[in-house]
Protein backbone atom coordinates (compact mmCIF):
# COMPACT_ATOMS: atom_id res chain seq x y z
CA UNK A 1 -15.54 0.81 4.65
CA UNK A 2 -15.42 -2.88 3.73
CA UNK A 3 -17.95 -3.59 6.43
CA UNK A 4 -20.26 -0.65 5.74
CA UNK A 5 -20.16 -0.60 1.93
CA UNK A 6 -19.84 -4.32 1.09
CA UNK A 7 -21.42 -5.85 4.21
CA UNK A 8 -18.37 -7.84 5.04
CA UNK A 9 -18.29 -9.24 8.52
CA UNK A 10 -15.22 -8.37 10.59
CA UNK A 11 -14.35 -10.78 13.31
CA UNK A 12 -13.14 -9.82 16.74
CA UNK A 13 -9.75 -11.45 16.10
CA UNK A 14 -9.27 -9.23 12.99
CA UNK A 15 -10.09 -6.13 15.03
CA UNK A 16 -7.60 -7.27 17.75
CA UNK A 17 -4.95 -7.83 15.08
CA UNK A 18 -5.55 -4.37 13.63
CA UNK A 19 -5.34 -2.89 17.14
CA UNK A 20 -1.99 -4.62 17.88
CA UNK A 21 -0.55 -3.40 14.58
CA UNK A 22 -1.85 0.14 15.18
CA UNK A 23 -0.40 0.10 18.67
CA UNK A 24 3.01 -0.93 17.32
CA UNK A 25 2.92 1.83 14.72
CA UNK A 26 1.83 4.54 17.23
CA UNK A 27 4.54 3.43 19.69
CA UNK A 28 7.15 3.55 16.88
CA UNK A 29 5.92 7.03 15.80
CA UNK A 30 6.07 8.28 19.35
CA UNK A 31 9.71 7.17 19.44
CA UNK A 32 10.45 9.09 16.25
CA UNK A 33 11.71 12.62 16.77
CA UNK A 34 10.55 13.78 13.31
CA UNK A 35 6.81 13.42 13.83
CA UNK A 36 4.97 16.73 13.17
CA UNK A 37 1.34 17.82 12.94
CA UNK A 38 1.82 18.43 9.21
CA UNK A 39 3.26 14.98 8.72
CA UNK A 40 0.40 13.40 10.66
CA UNK A 41 -2.09 15.37 8.51
CA UNK A 42 -0.58 14.10 5.26
CA UNK A 43 -0.38 10.56 6.63
CA UNK A 44 -4.07 10.71 7.52
CA UNK A 45 -4.92 12.18 4.05
CA UNK A 46 -2.93 9.38 2.43
CA UNK A 47 -4.76 6.72 4.50
CA UNK A 48 -8.16 8.13 3.60
CA UNK A 49 -7.36 8.48 -0.10
CA UNK A 50 -5.87 4.97 -0.20
CA UNK A 51 -8.87 3.51 1.57
CA UNK A 52 -11.23 5.26 -0.84
CA UNK A 53 -9.21 4.03 -3.81
CA UNK A 54 -9.14 0.38 -2.58
CA UNK A 55 -12.85 0.37 -1.83
CA UNK A 56 -13.58 1.75 -5.25
CA UNK A 57 -11.23 -0.79 -6.75
CA UNK A 58 -13.30 -3.57 -5.21
CA UNK A 59 -16.43 -2.04 -6.67
CA UNK A 60 -14.78 -1.59 -10.09
CA UNK A 61 -13.58 -5.19 -10.22
CA UNK A 62 -17.14 -6.38 -9.80
CA UNK A 63 -19.07 -3.90 -11.91
CA UNK A 64 -16.90 -2.49 -14.71
CA UNK A 65 -17.15 -4.53 -17.85
CA UNK A 66 -13.44 -4.48 -18.77
CA UNK A 67 -10.80 -7.15 -18.56
CA UNK A 68 -8.30 -6.74 -15.68
CA UNK A 69 -5.68 -5.84 -18.23
CA UNK A 70 -7.95 -3.11 -19.60
CA UNK A 71 -8.68 -1.80 -16.09
CA UNK A 72 -4.95 -1.54 -15.30
CA UNK A 73 -4.27 0.10 -18.64
CA UNK A 74 -6.95 2.76 -18.20
CA UNK A 75 -6.01 3.30 -14.53
CA UNK A 76 -2.43 4.09 -15.63
CA UNK A 77 -3.57 6.30 -18.53
CA UNK A 78 -5.89 8.29 -16.27
CA UNK A 79 -3.11 8.68 -13.67
CA UNK A 80 -0.75 10.01 -16.39
CA UNK A 81 -3.42 12.54 -17.57
CA UNK A 82 -3.97 13.69 -14.03
CA UNK A 83 -0.32 13.96 -13.02
CA UNK A 84 1.13 15.51 -16.23
CA UNK A 85 -0.41 19.02 -15.69
CA UNK A 86 0.99 19.02 -12.10
CA UNK A 87 4.45 18.08 -13.42
CA UNK A 88 4.31 20.98 -15.86
CA UNK A 89 3.09 23.43 -13.17
CA UNK A 90 5.81 22.41 -10.73
CA UNK A 91 8.52 22.71 -13.34
CA UNK A 92 9.39 18.98 -13.30
CA UNK A 93 8.67 18.49 -16.96
CA UNK A 94 10.91 21.42 -17.91
CA UNK A 95 13.68 20.07 -15.72
CA UNK A 96 13.29 16.72 -17.46
CA UNK A 97 13.57 18.38 -20.87
CA UNK A 98 16.68 20.34 -19.89
CA UNK A 99 18.56 17.53 -18.26
CA UNK A 100 20.62 15.71 -20.98
CA UNK A 101 21.50 12.84 -18.68
CA UNK A 102 17.85 11.77 -18.74
CA UNK A 103 17.83 11.46 -22.54
CA UNK A 104 20.13 8.45 -22.84
CA UNK A 105 19.20 5.00 -24.02
CA UNK A 106 20.30 3.64 -20.59
CA UNK A 107 17.81 5.86 -18.87
CA UNK A 108 15.10 4.98 -21.38
CA UNK A 109 15.60 1.21 -20.89
CA UNK A 110 15.55 1.62 -17.09
CA UNK A 111 12.46 3.78 -17.27
CA UNK A 112 10.62 1.36 -19.56
CA UNK A 113 11.59 -1.47 -17.21
CA UNK A 114 10.28 0.50 -14.19
CA UNK A 115 7.03 1.21 -16.06
CA UNK A 116 6.67 -2.46 -16.97
CA UNK A 117 7.17 -3.55 -13.39
CA UNK A 118 4.77 -0.81 -12.11
CA UNK A 119 2.13 -1.95 -14.63
CA UNK A 120 2.28 -5.53 -13.35
CA UNK A 121 2.36 -4.43 -9.70
CA UNK A 122 -0.82 -2.53 -10.44
CA UNK A 123 -2.24 -5.65 -12.08
CA UNK A 124 -1.26 -7.73 -8.98
CA UNK A 125 -2.95 -5.18 -6.66
CA UNK A 126 -6.10 -5.25 -8.68
CA UNK A 127 -6.10 -9.04 -8.60
CA UNK A 128 -5.43 -9.11 -4.88
CA UNK A 129 -8.37 -6.79 -4.11
CA UNK A 130 -10.66 -8.82 -6.40
CA UNK A 131 -9.71 -12.12 -4.83
CA UNK A 132 -9.50 -11.15 -1.15
CA UNK A 133 -11.02 -7.80 -0.29
CA UNK A 134 -10.09 -4.27 0.75
CA UNK A 135 -9.38 -5.18 4.39
CA UNK A 136 -6.90 -7.89 3.56
CA UNK A 137 -5.26 -5.69 0.90
CA UNK A 138 -4.82 -2.87 3.44
CA UNK A 139 -3.39 -5.23 6.09
CA UNK A 140 -0.87 -6.62 3.65
CA UNK A 141 0.06 -3.14 2.71
CA UNK A 142 0.74 -2.35 6.36
CA UNK A 143 2.68 -5.49 6.95
CA UNK A 144 5.04 -4.87 4.04
CA UNK A 145 6.65 -2.08 6.07
CA UNK A 146 8.14 -4.65 8.44
CA UNK A 147 10.46 -6.34 5.93
CA UNK A 148 11.25 -2.90 4.46
CA UNK A 149 12.42 -1.67 7.96
CA UNK A 150 14.51 -4.84 8.43
CA UNK A 151 16.00 -4.57 4.96
CA UNK A 152 16.84 -0.91 5.59
CA UNK A 153 18.69 -2.00 8.69
CA UNK A 154 20.59 -4.76 6.88
CA UNK A 155 21.33 -3.04 3.55
CA UNK A 156 21.92 0.57 4.62
CA UNK A 157 23.39 -0.24 8.03
CA UNK A 158 20.72 1.92 9.77
CA UNK A 159 20.74 1.83 13.50
CA UNK A 160 17.53 0.42 14.97
CA UNK A 161 17.05 0.80 18.68
CA UNK A 162 15.89 -1.94 20.96
CA UNK A 163 12.60 -0.08 21.39
CA UNK A 164 12.10 0.04 17.60
CA UNK A 165 12.76 -3.73 17.34
CA UNK A 166 10.11 -4.18 20.03
CA UNK A 167 7.59 -2.07 18.03
CA UNK A 168 8.41 -4.03 14.83
CA UNK A 169 7.82 -7.26 16.71
CA UNK A 170 4.48 -5.99 18.05
CA UNK A 171 3.34 -5.14 14.53
CA UNK A 172 4.54 -8.47 13.29
CA UNK A 173 2.50 -10.21 16.01
CA UNK A 174 -0.55 -8.27 14.81
CA UNK A 175 0.06 -9.51 11.30
CA UNK A 176 0.34 -13.11 12.47
CA UNK A 177 -2.87 -12.76 14.47
CA UNK A 178 -4.57 -11.38 11.38
CA UNK A 179 -3.38 -14.36 9.27
CA UNK A 180 -4.67 -16.79 11.92
CA UNK A 181 -8.02 -14.99 11.97
CA UNK A 182 -8.39 -15.17 8.15
CA UNK A 183 -7.38 -18.84 8.12
CA UNK A 184 -9.95 -19.67 10.73
CA UNK A 185 -12.62 -17.71 8.83
CA UNK A 186 -11.69 -19.50 5.63
CA UNK A 187 -12.01 -22.90 7.37
CA UNK A 188 -15.45 -21.97 8.82
CA UNK A 189 -16.59 -20.71 5.41
CA UNK A 190 -15.60 -23.93 3.66
CA UNK A 191 -17.19 -26.02 6.40
CA UNK A 192 -14.09 -27.95 7.40
């Protein structure tokens, strides 16, 4: 999408990095016993929706005449307006209203803090897309799964097989290759 819509040139090294990361992910999924057709469908739907959102975000950062703060604010308000009817239809709002443990000051403070952090993560995402581009944003989003897998291993004492460590390493190599490709492109662009 970045190439077709915005005319960005994608180098061979970037495509190779993407291929290596994809290979690591596919090999890891093949090793997972819980992969189903339904799960793959929802993963594909998530990828397509996320790609569309990030591509639109790039367009919006260039053409919408709002400050970044305003864009994040309206993005969050629109999400709330979209999600609230679904929470009512699924009974989640009624459950929230009935559960007294959710109406404490402790819960309110933690929820406000989570909203505050989420708002600034959204702001950081918007800034990242505006400064780099949809492809880099997507690659960073893919690479953040590696430290999460390692932290899950360390914090929750999850067992990771030797094969899975290999697949994590393959994905990490793809991320390193992508970084090298972007650094080279940046040097060529600046004429150094």
